[in-house]
Amino acid sequence: MLITLTFIIFLFFFLQLAVAIYNCYKKPYLKPSVETSSRRVSILIPARNEAENLGNLLESLAKQSYDNFEIIILDDSSDDDTYEIAKRYVPRFRDLKIIKGLPLLSGWTGKNYACAQLASSATGG
């Protein structure tokens, strides 16, 4: 029983190693796709105290090849510079909206309420 279990564990790890070596050798990356859709996409960002991360996220979005999108950032009562950092990116994006989150309503939790506010402002799919 112990020998069988040891063999199964060894086989499992050997197969994982074989797959990892294959992936390193073949490098099966996805190829960039040709744009086949012109549908508008809404990128909704609920942000509360995200000053450290928001700049990197927006820089990444600026590098997207798909250009029919809007970005809506909801500042959810941040105590840091989240709102100011978001405002700095307004000139770089054609469709960037920053909204201030409304006070939390009874029966809602914070992130869910922020996402509902963002969804109601979205114009894309």
Protein backbone atom coordinates (compact mmCIF):
# COMPACT_ATOMS: atom_id res chain seq x y z
CA MET A 1 0.00 0.00 0.00
CA LEU A 2 2.75 2.43 0.98
CA ILE A 3 4.76 1.58 -2.13
CA THR A 4 1.73 2.16 -4.35
CA LEU A 5 1.00 5.49 -2.70
CA THR A 6 4.65 6.55 -3.03
CA PHE A 7 4.61 5.56 -6.71
CA ILE A 8 1.42 7.57 -7.36
CA ILE A 9 2.89 10.65 -5.64
CA PHE A 10 6.14 10.29 -7.60
CA LEU A 11 4.22 9.89 -10.87
CA PHE A 12 2.12 12.97 -10.10
CA PHE A 13 5.20 15.16 -9.47
CA PHE A 14 7.01 13.70 -12.48
CA LEU A 15 4.08 14.59 -14.74
CA GLN A 16 4.02 18.14 -13.35
CA LEU A 17 7.74 18.45 -14.04
CA ALA A 18 7.30 17.10 -17.57
CA VAL A 19 4.54 19.63 -18.31
CA ALA A 20 6.65 22.48 -16.91
CA ILE A 21 9.65 21.48 -19.04
CA TYR A 22 7.44 21.18 -22.13
CA ASN A 23 5.93 24.63 -21.52
CA CYS A 24 9.39 26.18 -21.07
CA TYR A 25 10.63 24.55 -24.27
CA LYS A 26 7.61 25.22 -26.51
CA LYS A 27 6.54 28.54 -24.95
CA PRO A 28 2.84 28.12 -25.78
CA TYR A 29 1.84 31.78 -25.55
CA LEU A 30 -1.38 33.14 -26.93
CA LYS A 31 -0.89 35.12 -30.10
CA PRO A 32 -2.27 38.66 -30.22
CA SER A 33 -5.68 38.53 -31.81
CA VAL A 34 -6.91 40.68 -34.61
CA GLU A 35 -9.65 42.97 -33.42
CA THR A 36 -12.92 41.36 -34.43
CA SER A 37 -15.35 43.43 -32.42
CA SER A 38 -16.07 47.09 -32.12
CA ARG A 39 -18.32 46.79 -29.08
CA ARG A 40 -17.73 49.33 -26.36
CA VAL A 41 -16.22 47.92 -23.19
CA SER A 42 -16.63 49.49 -19.75
CA ILE A 43 -13.76 49.03 -17.32
CA LEU A 44 -15.14 49.61 -13.85
CA ILE A 45 -12.71 50.26 -11.02
CA PRO A 46 -13.96 50.46 -7.44
CA ALA A 47 -11.15 52.17 -5.55
CA ARG A 48 -10.78 52.77 -1.84
CA ASN A 49 -7.32 53.78 -0.67
CA GLU A 50 -5.67 52.49 -3.84
CA ALA A 51 -3.10 55.28 -4.31
CA GLU A 52 -0.26 52.75 -4.44
CA ASN A 53 -1.88 50.60 -7.14
CA LEU A 54 -4.04 52.89 -9.26
CA GLY A 55 -1.20 54.42 -11.28
CA ASN A 56 0.14 51.00 -12.34
CA LEU A 57 -3.33 49.86 -13.30
CA LEU A 58 -4.02 52.93 -15.43
CA GLU A 59 -0.58 52.72 -17.07
CA SER A 60 -1.40 49.14 -18.02
CA LEU A 61 -4.76 50.18 -19.47
CA ALA A 62 -3.05 52.89 -21.52
CA LYS A 63 -1.12 50.14 -23.35
CA GLN A 64 -4.22 48.30 -24.55
CA SER A 65 -4.57 47.87 -28.30
CA TYR A 66 -8.37 47.83 -28.15
CA ASP A 67 -9.50 51.44 -28.18
CA ASN A 68 -13.28 51.36 -27.81
CA PHE A 69 -13.43 51.40 -24.04
CA GLU A 70 -14.33 53.67 -21.19
CA ILE A 71 -12.83 53.69 -17.73
CA ILE A 72 -14.96 54.61 -14.75
CA ILE A 73 -13.26 54.91 -11.38
CA LEU A 74 -15.35 55.17 -8.24
CA ASP A 75 -13.47 56.77 -5.35
CA ASP A 76 -15.11 55.10 -2.37
CA SER A 77 -14.29 57.59 0.42
CA SER A 78 -10.53 57.11 0.17
CA ASP A 79 -8.28 58.53 2.89
CA ASP A 80 -5.24 58.67 0.60
CA ASP A 81 -4.47 60.30 -2.77
CA THR A 82 -6.58 57.90 -4.85
CA TYR A 83 -8.80 60.65 -6.27
CA GLU A 84 -5.87 62.97 -7.10
CA ILE A 85 -3.96 60.18 -8.85
CA ALA A 86 -7.03 59.30 -10.91
CA LYS A 87 -7.46 62.96 -11.91
CA ARG A 88 -3.89 63.03 -13.27
CA TYR A 89 -4.85 60.43 -15.87
CA VAL A 90 -7.89 62.26 -17.27
CA PRO A 91 -5.88 63.93 -20.09
CA ARG A 92 -4.44 60.56 -21.19
CA PHE A 93 -7.75 58.82 -21.74
CA ARG A 94 -10.53 59.91 -24.04
CA ASP A 95 -13.22 58.32 -21.87
CA LEU A 96 -12.15 58.38 -18.24
CA LYS A 97 -14.73 59.28 -15.64
CA ILE A 98 -14.10 59.61 -11.93
CA ILE A 99 -17.08 59.54 -9.62
CA LYS A 100 -17.27 59.96 -5.88
CA GLY A 101 -19.03 57.12 -4.11
CA LEU A 102 -22.33 57.83 -2.40
CA PRO A 103 -22.78 57.10 1.30
CA LEU A 104 -23.50 53.44 1.98
CA LEU A 105 -27.20 52.59 1.95
CA SER A 106 -28.79 50.29 4.48
CA GLY A 107 -28.72 46.66 3.38
CA TRP A 108 -25.65 47.05 1.17
CA THR A 109 -22.03 46.07 1.73
CA GLY A 110 -19.26 48.42 0.63
CA LYS A 111 -17.78 46.71 -2.44
CA ASN A 112 -21.17 45.57 -3.75
CA TYR A 113 -22.58 49.08 -3.48
CA ALA A 114 -19.53 50.58 -5.21
CA CYS A 115 -19.87 48.08 -8.08
CA ALA A 116 -23.60 48.80 -8.40
CA GLN A 117 -22.87 52.52 -8.68
CA LEU A 118 -20.23 51.84 -11.32
CA ALA A 119 -22.54 49.57 -13.31
CA SER A 120 -25.24 52.22 -13.38
CA SER A 121 -22.75 54.66 -14.92
CA ALA A 122 -21.43 52.27 -17.56
CA THR A 123 -22.32 52.65 -21.23
CA GLY A 124 -20.44 49.62 -22.60
CA GLY A 125 -20.93 45.92 -22.30
